[in-house]
Amino acid sequence: MSDALDGTAGRRRIYLMRHGEVRYFDADGKAVHPKFVDLTERGQAQAATMGELLADVPFDRALCTGLPRTVQTAQGVLAGRNLVVEDIPALKEIRSGPMGDKSQAEIDAKFVFGMDDADLPRTRFAGGDLFEEFYTRVTTALEALLREPGWRNLLLVAHDGTNRMLLGWASYGGLASARAFDQDPGCLNVIDADVGNGEILRRTLKLSNLTPINHSKLGNNLTSMEQVFDYRRQVLAGIDEP
């Protein structure tokens, strides 16, 4: 099998997804450790619908970060295919840290608008990982993956922050562009890369943030992080989900 897409010399394609919908707050509005969250029913439907959209794509490999929400999404997309989902832990999500004596509003803002200053030197995400180190970690892993032989089309399920870094890399915008690449739950991005003699010669962003169910984004007026904290607001206010 050639490692290049048909009609090209050395071009490979990554179908990059964010995992489907999860809930980072419980029924009492308390934070749940992100390591343990599972897909909601809507998240499962997002994965299944994306699987239908990608049914004709001849995936050679499939990878996820190993966390339950990415495993479940990949399995939902690949249902009925005889393809093992590999783990790539280096693409796990950026981590927050201790926030000290900040108010709840200040803490929320650090998450919701955390990407705004990603390109400033020595800036951390919500008191946790340095953006520069996170960017290096995930882009190094992606470049290594692109250099591996034996595939043309690859499914990769990762996270909001991870995907923003990879899309910044793909668009040549780096950390400065990460804030622009919103990632709705279950969304799809497509990255092409030309590889020759072990070198990545160019990359092209073919698609960004295609949602599996609501293609037009009608009514989807909040960013992905605004959605997370709006859910907590609804829980605390006793508002039922639509």
C-alpha atoms as a PDB file:
ATOM      1  CA  MET A   1       0.000   0.000   0.000  1.00  0.00           C
ATOM      2  CA  SER A   2       1.230   3.474  -0.867  1.00  0.00           C
ATOM      3  CA  ASP A   3       1.555   5.905   2.031  1.00  0.00           C
ATOM      4  CA  ALA A   4       0.138   8.722  -0.120  1.00  0.00           C
ATOM      5  CA  LEU A   5      -3.438   9.747  -0.844  1.00  0.00           C
ATOM      6  CA  ASP A   6      -4.552   8.936  -4.383  1.00  0.00           C
ATOM      7  CA  GLY A   7      -3.224  11.392  -6.934  1.00  0.00           C
ATOM      8  CA  THR A   8      -0.611  12.832  -4.581  1.00  0.00           C
ATOM      9  CA  ALA A   9       3.029  12.301  -3.729  1.00  0.00           C
ATOM     10  CA  GLY A  10       3.449  11.768  -0.004  1.00  0.00           C
ATOM     11  CA  ARG A  11       0.227  13.405   1.184  1.00  0.00           C
ATOM     12  CA  ARG A  12      -1.529  11.933   4.244  1.00  0.00           C
ATOM     13  CA  ARG A  13      -4.754  12.904   5.946  1.00  0.00           C
ATOM     14  CA  ILE A  14      -5.692  13.135   9.613  1.00  0.00           C
ATOM     15  CA  TYR A  15      -9.349  13.214  10.588  1.00  0.00           C
ATOM     16  CA  LEU A  16      -9.014  15.018  13.894  1.00  0.00           C
ATOM     17  CA  MET A  17     -12.002  14.941  16.232  1.00  0.00           C
ATOM     18  CA  ARG A  18     -12.808  16.350  19.606  1.00  0.00           C
ATOM     19  CA  HIS A  19     -14.519  13.788  21.837  1.00  0.00           C
ATOM     20  CA  GLY A  20     -18.293  13.892  22.126  1.00  0.00           C
ATOM     21  CA  GLU A  21     -20.259  15.715  24.794  1.00  0.00           C
ATOM     22  CA  VAL A  22     -19.481  15.008  28.452  1.00  0.00           C
ATOM     23  CA  ARG A  23     -20.421  16.677  31.723  1.00  0.00           C
ATOM     24  CA  TYR A  24     -17.652  18.151  33.854  1.00  0.00           C
ATOM     25  CA  PHE A  25     -20.086  18.996  36.678  1.00  0.00           C
ATOM     26  CA  ASP A  26     -22.401  16.639  38.561  1.00  0.00           C
ATOM     27  CA  ALA A  27     -26.070  17.126  39.409  1.00  0.00           C
ATOM     28  CA  ASP A  28     -25.073  19.342  42.349  1.00  0.00           C
ATOM     29  CA  GLY A  29     -22.862  21.577  40.228  1.00  0.00           C
ATOM     30  CA  LYS A  30     -19.649  20.139  41.673  1.00  0.00           C
ATOM     31  CA  ALA A  31     -16.675  19.568  39.384  1.00  0.00           C
ATOM     32  CA  VAL A  32     -15.991  15.995  38.244  1.00  0.00           C
ATOM     33  CA  HIS A  33     -12.397  14.935  37.599  1.00  0.00           C
ATOM     34  CA  PRO A  34     -12.041  15.061  33.795  1.00  0.00           C
ATOM     35  CA  LYS A  35     -10.080  11.819  33.820  1.00  0.00           C
ATOM     36  CA  PHE A  36     -13.229   9.874  34.640  1.00  0.00           C
ATOM     37  CA  VAL A  37     -16.041  11.517  32.666  1.00  0.00           C
ATOM     38  CA  ASP A  38     -17.995   9.467  30.121  1.00  0.00           C
ATOM     39  CA  LEU A  39     -19.952  10.494  27.055  1.00  0.00           C
ATOM     40  CA  THR A  40     -23.513  11.615  27.616  1.00  0.00           C
ATOM     41  CA  GLU A  41     -26.302  10.178  25.471  1.00  0.00           C
ATOM     42  CA  ARG A  42     -25.885  13.190  23.215  1.00  0.00           C
ATOM     43  CA  GLY A  43     -22.152  12.549  23.057  1.00  0.00           C
ATOM     44  CA  GLN A  44     -22.766   8.956  22.017  1.00  0.00           C
ATOM     45  CA  ALA A  45     -25.154  10.163  19.315  1.00  0.00           C
ATOM     46  CA  GLN A  46     -22.536  12.629  18.079  1.00  0.00           C
ATOM     47  CA  ALA A  47     -19.990   9.836  17.716  1.00  0.00           C
ATOM     48  CA  ALA A  48     -22.459   7.549  15.949  1.00  0.00           C
ATOM     49  CA  THR A  49     -23.532  10.304  13.551  1.00  0.00           C
ATOM     50  CA  MET A  50     -19.926  11.146  12.745  1.00  0.00           C
ATOM     51  CA  GLY A  51     -19.388   7.464  12.046  1.00  0.00           C
ATOM     52  CA  GLU A  52     -22.138   7.649   9.438  1.00  0.00           C
ATOM     53  CA  LEU A  53     -20.606  10.763   7.875  1.00  0.00           C
ATOM     54  CA  LEU A  54     -17.212   9.057   7.658  1.00  0.00           C
ATOM     55  CA  ALA A  55     -18.492   5.634   6.626  1.00  0.00           C
ATOM     56  CA  ASP A  56     -16.748   5.763   3.242  1.00  0.00           C
ATOM     57  CA  VAL A  57     -13.366   6.882   4.587  1.00  0.00           C
ATOM     58  CA  PRO A  58     -10.886   3.965   4.405  1.00  0.00           C
ATOM     59  CA  PHE A  59      -9.138   4.481   7.727  1.00  0.00           C
ATOM     60  CA  ASP A  60      -5.785   2.737   8.033  1.00  0.00           C
ATOM     61  CA  ARG A  61      -5.296   3.611  11.700  1.00  0.00           C
ATOM     62  CA  ALA A  62      -7.278   5.059  14.592  1.00  0.00           C
ATOM     63  CA  LEU A  63      -5.860   6.706  17.706  1.00  0.00           C
ATOM     64  CA  CYS A  64      -7.154   8.389  20.833  1.00  0.00           C
ATOM     65  CA  THR A  65      -5.590   9.731  24.019  1.00  0.00           C
ATOM     66  CA  GLY A  66      -6.682   6.771  26.136  1.00  0.00           C
ATOM     67  CA  LEU A  67      -9.086   8.734  28.337  1.00  0.00           C
ATOM     68  CA  PRO A  68     -12.601   7.250  28.458  1.00  0.00           C
ATOM     69  CA  ARG A  69     -14.260  10.101  26.565  1.00  0.00           C
ATOM     70  CA  THR A  70     -11.884   9.735  23.623  1.00  0.00           C
ATOM     71  CA  VAL A  71     -12.017   5.936  23.658  1.00  0.00           C
ATOM     72  CA  GLN A  72     -15.819   5.968  23.626  1.00  0.00           C
ATOM     73  CA  THR A  73     -15.918   8.523  20.816  1.00  0.00           C
ATOM     74  CA  ALA A  74     -13.498   6.563  18.641  1.00  0.00           C
ATOM     75  CA  GLN A  75     -15.413   3.355  19.240  1.00  0.00           C
ATOM     76  CA  GLY A  76     -18.673   5.069  18.321  1.00  0.00           C
ATOM     77  CA  VAL A  77     -17.236   6.425  15.089  1.00  0.00           C
ATOM     78  CA  LEU A  78     -15.684   3.094  14.137  1.00  0.00           C
ATOM     79  CA  ALA A  79     -18.592   0.838  15.106  1.00  0.00           C
ATOM     80  CA  GLY A  80     -18.669  -2.185  12.810  1.00  0.00           C
ATOM     81  CA  ARG A  81     -15.093  -1.751  11.596  1.00  0.00           C
ATOM     82  CA  ASN A  82     -12.312  -4.179  12.382  1.00  0.00           C
ATOM     83  CA  LEU A  83      -9.838  -1.526  13.488  1.00  0.00           C
ATOM     84  CA  VAL A  84      -7.953  -1.411  16.780  1.00  0.00           C
ATOM     85  CA  VAL A  85      -7.932   1.982  18.503  1.00  0.00           C
ATOM     86  CA  GLU A  86      -4.392   2.853  19.615  1.00  0.00           C
ATOM     87  CA  ASP A  87      -3.522   5.144  22.531  1.00  0.00           C
ATOM     88  CA  ILE A  88      -1.339   8.237  22.140  1.00  0.00           C
ATOM     89  CA  PRO A  89      -1.032   9.680  25.675  1.00  0.00           C
ATOM     90  CA  ALA A  90       1.174  12.573  24.532  1.00  0.00           C
ATOM     91  CA  LEU A  91      -1.956  14.200  23.103  1.00  0.00           C
ATOM     92  CA  LYS A  92      -3.845  14.324  26.398  1.00  0.00           C
ATOM     93  CA  GLU A  93      -5.519  17.595  27.310  1.00  0.00           C
ATOM     94  CA  ILE A  94      -3.807  20.612  28.845  1.00  0.00           C
ATOM     95  CA  ARG A  95      -4.013  20.576  32.648  1.00  0.00           C
ATOM     96  CA  SER A  96      -5.168  23.312  34.986  1.00  0.00           C
ATOM     97  CA  GLY A  97      -3.587  23.963  38.384  1.00  0.00           C
ATOM     98  CA  PRO A  98      -4.304  25.450  41.819  1.00  0.00           C
ATOM     99  CA  MET A  99      -6.130  28.762  41.646  1.00  0.00           C
ATOM    100  CA  GLY A 100      -5.393  30.028  45.161  1.00  0.00           C
ATOM    101  CA  ASP A 101      -7.906  32.426  46.660  1.00  0.00           C
ATOM    102  CA  LYS A 102      -9.467  33.591  43.409  1.00  0.00           C
ATOM    103  CA  SER A 103     -13.224  34.110  43.294  1.00  0.00           C
ATOM    104  CA  GLN A 104     -15.443  31.676  41.410  1.00  0.00           C
ATOM    105  CA  ALA A 105     -15.978  34.279  38.691  1.00  0.00           C
ATOM    106  CA  GLU A 106     -12.213  34.706  38.280  1.00  0.00           C
ATOM    107  CA  ILE A 107     -11.710  30.942  38.133  1.00  0.00           C
ATOM    108  CA  ASP A 108     -14.435  30.557  35.519  1.00  0.00           C
ATOM    109  CA  ALA A 109     -12.851  33.293  33.403  1.00  0.00           C
ATOM    110  CA  LYS A 110      -9.450  31.559  33.523  1.00  0.00           C
ATOM    111  CA  PHE A 111     -11.051  28.529  31.862  1.00  0.00           C
ATOM    112  CA  VAL A 112     -13.509  30.213  29.508  1.00  0.00           C
ATOM    113  CA  PHE A 113     -10.980  32.739  28.180  1.00  0.00           C
ATOM    114  CA  GLY A 114      -7.859  30.722  28.951  1.00  0.00           C
ATOM    115  CA  MET A 115      -6.671  30.569  25.334  1.00  0.00           C
ATOM    116  CA  ASP A 116      -6.671  34.338  24.844  1.00  0.00           C
ATOM    117  CA  ASP A 117      -3.108  34.756  26.128  1.00  0.00           C
ATOM    118  CA  ALA A 118      -1.708  31.430  24.937  1.00  0.00           C
ATOM    119  CA  ASP A 119       1.002  33.099  22.867  1.00  0.00           C
ATOM    120  CA  LEU A 120       2.360  35.244  25.701  1.00  0.00           C
ATOM    121  CA  PRO A 121       5.683  33.967  27.124  1.00  0.00           C
ATOM    122  CA  ARG A 122       5.528  31.738  30.202  1.00  0.00           C
ATOM    123  CA  THR A 123       1.731  31.868  30.367  1.00  0.00           C
ATOM    124  CA  ARG A 124      -0.106  29.018  32.074  1.00  0.00           C
ATOM    125  CA  PHE A 125      -3.561  27.624  31.430  1.00  0.00           C
ATOM    126  CA  ALA A 126      -5.685  28.266  34.537  1.00  0.00           C
ATOM    127  CA  GLY A 127      -2.636  28.035  36.794  1.00  0.00           C
ATOM    128  CA  GLY A 128      -1.478  24.734  35.290  1.00  0.00           C
ATOM    129  CA  ASP A 129       0.530  23.745  32.216  1.00  0.00           C
ATOM    130  CA  LEU A 130       2.629  26.281  30.357  1.00  0.00           C
ATOM    131  CA  PHE A 131       1.155  26.824  26.905  1.00  0.00           C
ATOM    132  CA  GLU A 132       4.593  26.689  25.271  1.00  0.00           C
ATOM    133  CA  GLU A 133       5.353  23.284  26.789  1.00  0.00           C
ATOM    134  CA  PHE A 134       1.899  21.953  25.947  1.00  0.00           C
ATOM    135  CA  TYR A 135       2.220  23.117  22.342  1.00  0.00           C
ATOM    136  CA  THR A 136       5.620  21.468  22.021  1.00  0.00           C
ATOM    137  CA  ARG A 137       4.337  18.225  23.549  1.00  0.00           C
ATOM    138  CA  VAL A 138       1.372  17.768  21.241  1.00  0.00           C
ATOM    139  CA  THR A 139       2.916  19.053  18.012  1.00  0.00           C
ATOM    140  CA  THR A 140       6.010  16.897  18.511  1.00  0.00           C
ATOM    141  CA  ALA A 141       3.747  13.862  18.912  1.00  0.00           C
ATOM    142  CA  LEU A 142       1.785  14.778  15.791  1.00  0.00           C
ATOM    143  CA  GLU A 143       4.898  15.274  13.684  1.00  0.00           C
ATOM    144  CA  ALA A 144       6.246  11.896  14.822  1.00  0.00           C
ATOM    145  CA  LEU A 145       2.944  10.305  13.845  1.00  0.00           C
ATOM    146  CA  LEU A 146       3.049  11.893  10.404  1.00  0.00           C
ATOM    147  CA  ARG A 147       6.513  10.439   9.816  1.00  0.00           C
ATOM    148  CA  GLU A 148       5.430   6.893  10.665  1.00  0.00           C
ATOM    149  CA  PRO A 149       5.005   4.716   7.558  1.00  0.00           C
ATOM    150  CA  GLY A 150       2.085   2.512   6.625  1.00  0.00           C
ATOM    151  CA  TRP A 151      -0.972   4.767   6.524  1.00  0.00           C
ATOM    152  CA  ARG A 152      -2.810   7.344   4.430  1.00  0.00           C
ATOM    153  CA  ASN A 153      -6.017   8.080   6.351  1.00  0.00           C
ATOM    154  CA  LEU A 154      -5.990   8.247  10.135  1.00  0.00           C
ATOM    155  CA  LEU A 155      -8.689   8.966  12.732  1.00  0.00           C
ATOM    156  CA  LEU A 156      -7.452  10.831  15.804  1.00  0.00           C
ATOM    157  CA  VAL A 157      -9.763  11.656  18.726  1.00  0.00           C
ATOM    158  CA  ALA A 158      -8.406  14.187  21.198  1.00  0.00           C
ATOM    159  CA  HIS A 159      -9.491  17.261  23.167  1.00  0.00           C
ATOM    160  CA  ASP A 160     -10.458  20.922  22.848  1.00  0.00           C
ATOM    161  CA  GLY A 161      -7.110  22.350  23.956  1.00  0.00           C
ATOM    162  CA  THR A 162      -5.064  19.691  22.181  1.00  0.00           C
ATOM    163  CA  ASN A 163      -6.896  20.247  18.920  1.00  0.00           C
ATOM    164  CA  ARG A 164      -6.467  24.009  19.131  1.00  0.00           C
ATOM    165  CA  MET A 165      -2.698  23.527  19.332  1.00  0.00           C
ATOM    166  CA  LEU A 166      -2.668  21.091  16.416  1.00  0.00           C
ATOM    167  CA  LEU A 167      -4.838  23.388  14.307  1.00  0.00           C
ATOM    168  CA  GLY A 168      -2.557  26.297  15.154  1.00  0.00           C
ATOM    169  CA  TRP A 169       0.334  24.174  13.914  1.00  0.00           C
ATOM    170  CA  ALA A 170      -1.537  23.102  10.775  1.00  0.00           C
ATOM    171  CA  SER A 171      -2.449  26.691   9.890  1.00  0.00           C
ATOM    172  CA  TYR A 172       1.080  28.005  10.554  1.00  0.00           C
ATOM    173  CA  GLY A 173      -0.412  30.307  13.196  1.00  0.00           C
ATOM    174  CA  GLY A 174       1.038  28.553  16.236  1.00  0.00           C
ATOM    175  CA  LEU A 175      -0.068  29.571  19.711  1.00  0.00           C
ATOM    176  CA  ALA A 176      -1.307  32.956  18.508  1.00  0.00           C
ATOM    177  CA  SER A 177      -4.097  31.326  16.503  1.00  0.00           C
ATOM    178  CA  ALA A 178      -5.189  28.766  19.109  1.00  0.00           C
ATOM    179  CA  ARG A 179      -7.883  31.058  20.515  1.00  0.00           C
ATOM    180  CA  ALA A 180      -9.627  31.177  17.115  1.00  0.00           C
ATOM    181  CA  PHE A 181     -10.134  27.431  16.720  1.00  0.00           C
ATOM    182  CA  ASP A 182     -13.200  26.658  18.808  1.00  0.00           C
ATOM    183  CA  GLN A 183     -13.905  22.948  19.145  1.00  0.00           C
ATOM    184  CA  ASP A 184     -17.512  21.942  19.721  1.00  0.00           C
ATOM    185  CA  PRO A 185     -18.188  18.501  21.234  1.00  0.00           C
ATOM    186  CA  GLY A 186     -17.795  15.721  18.676  1.00  0.00           C
ATOM    187  CA  CYS A 187     -16.504  18.061  15.968  1.00  0.00           C
ATOM    188  CA  LEU A 188     -14.337  17.102  13.004  1.00  0.00           C
ATOM    189  CA  ASN A 189     -11.243  18.773  11.558  1.00  0.00           C
ATOM    190  CA  VAL A 190      -9.247  17.562   8.558  1.00  0.00           C
ATOM    191  CA  ILE A 191      -5.502  18.146   8.237  1.00  0.00           C
ATOM    192  CA  ASP A 192      -3.449  17.158   5.192  1.00  0.00           C
ATOM    193  CA  ALA A 193       0.332  16.953   5.357  1.00  0.00           C
ATOM    194  CA  ASP A 194       2.870  16.346   2.609  1.00  0.00           C
ATOM    195  CA  VAL A 195       5.700  14.151   3.851  1.00  0.00           C
ATOM    196  CA  GLY A 196       8.868  13.359   1.916  1.00  0.00           C
ATOM    197  CA  ASN A 197      12.075  11.676   3.051  1.00  0.00           C
ATOM    198  CA  GLY A 198      10.982  11.922   6.661  1.00  0.00           C
ATOM    199  CA  GLU A 199      10.316  15.664   6.424  1.00  0.00           C
ATOM    200  CA  ILE A 200       6.959  17.420   6.704  1.00  0.00           C
ATOM    201  CA  LEU A 201       7.047  19.667   3.661  1.00  0.00           C
ATOM    202  CA  ARG A 202       3.707  21.438   3.992  1.00  0.00           C
ATOM    203  CA  ARG A 203       0.388  21.159   5.747  1.00  0.00           C
ATOM    204  CA  THR A 204      -3.123  22.191   4.779  1.00  0.00           C
ATOM    205  CA  LEU A 205      -6.194  22.702   6.930  1.00  0.00           C
ATOM    206  CA  LYS A 206      -9.064  21.259   4.878  1.00  0.00           C
ATOM    207  CA  LEU A 207     -11.855  21.493   7.467  1.00  0.00           C
ATOM    208  CA  SER A 208     -12.401  22.846  10.975  1.00  0.00           C
ATOM    209  CA  ASN A 209     -15.057  22.320  13.674  1.00  0.00           C
ATOM    210  CA  LEU A 210     -17.696  20.493  11.641  1.00  0.00           C
ATOM    211  CA  THR A 211     -20.329  19.390  14.146  1.00  0.00           C
ATOM    212  CA  PRO A 212     -21.854  15.998  13.379  1.00  0.00           C
ATOM    213  CA  ILE A 213     -25.492  16.878  14.026  1.00  0.00           C
ATOM    214  CA  ASN A 214     -25.852  20.664  13.682  1.00  0.00           C
ATOM    215  CA  HIS A 215     -23.844  21.538  10.574  1.00  0.00           C
ATOM    216  CA  SER A 216     -25.166  25.099  10.341  1.00  0.00           C
ATOM    217  CA  LYS A 217     -24.416  25.895  14.028  1.00  0.00           C
ATOM    218  CA  LEU A 218     -27.966  27.287  14.319  1.00  0.00           C
ATOM    219  CA  GLY A 219     -28.518  28.146  17.983  1.00  0.00           C
ATOM    220  CA  ASN A 220     -24.947  27.140  18.841  1.00  0.00           C
ATOM    221  CA  ASN A 221     -23.995  30.608  20.036  1.00  0.00           C
ATOM    222  CA  LEU A 222     -21.582  29.758  22.868  1.00  0.00           C
ATOM    223  CA  THR A 223     -17.965  28.689  22.662  1.00  0.00           C
ATOM    224  CA  SER A 224     -17.134  25.185  23.809  1.00  0.00           C
ATOM    225  CA  MET A 225     -15.897  26.410  27.201  1.00  0.00           C
ATOM    226  CA  GLU A 226     -18.874  28.723  27.626  1.00  0.00           C
ATOM    227  CA  GLN A 227     -21.075  25.666  27.095  1.00  0.00           C
ATOM    228  CA  VAL A 228     -19.300  23.824  29.918  1.00  0.00           C
ATOM    229  CA  PHE A 229     -19.883  26.544  32.476  1.00  0.00           C
ATOM    230  CA  ASP A 230     -23.361  27.398  31.196  1.00  0.00           C
ATOM    231  CA  TYR A 231     -24.356  23.827  32.040  1.00  0.00           C
ATOM    232  CA  ARG A 232     -23.228  24.346  35.628  1.00  0.00           C
ATOM    233  CA  ARG A 233     -25.215  27.586  35.758  1.00  0.00           C
ATOM    234  CA  GLN A 234     -28.312  25.723  34.598  1.00  0.00           C
ATOM    235  CA  VAL A 235     -27.787  22.971  37.176  1.00  0.00           C
ATOM    236  CA  LEU A 236     -27.433  25.431  40.039  1.00  0.00           C
ATOM    237  CA  ALA A 237     -30.487  27.345  38.825  1.00  0.00           C
ATOM    238  CA  GLY A 238     -32.555  24.173  38.519  1.00  0.00           C
ATOM    239  CA  ILE A 239     -33.026  24.608  34.773  1.00  0.00           C
ATOM    240  CA  ASP A 240     -33.667  21.409  32.814  1.00  0.00           C
ATOM    241  CA  GLU A 241     -31.605  20.772  29.699  1.00  0.00           C
ATOM    242  CA  PRO A 242     -33.368  21.340  26.370  1.00  0.00           C
END
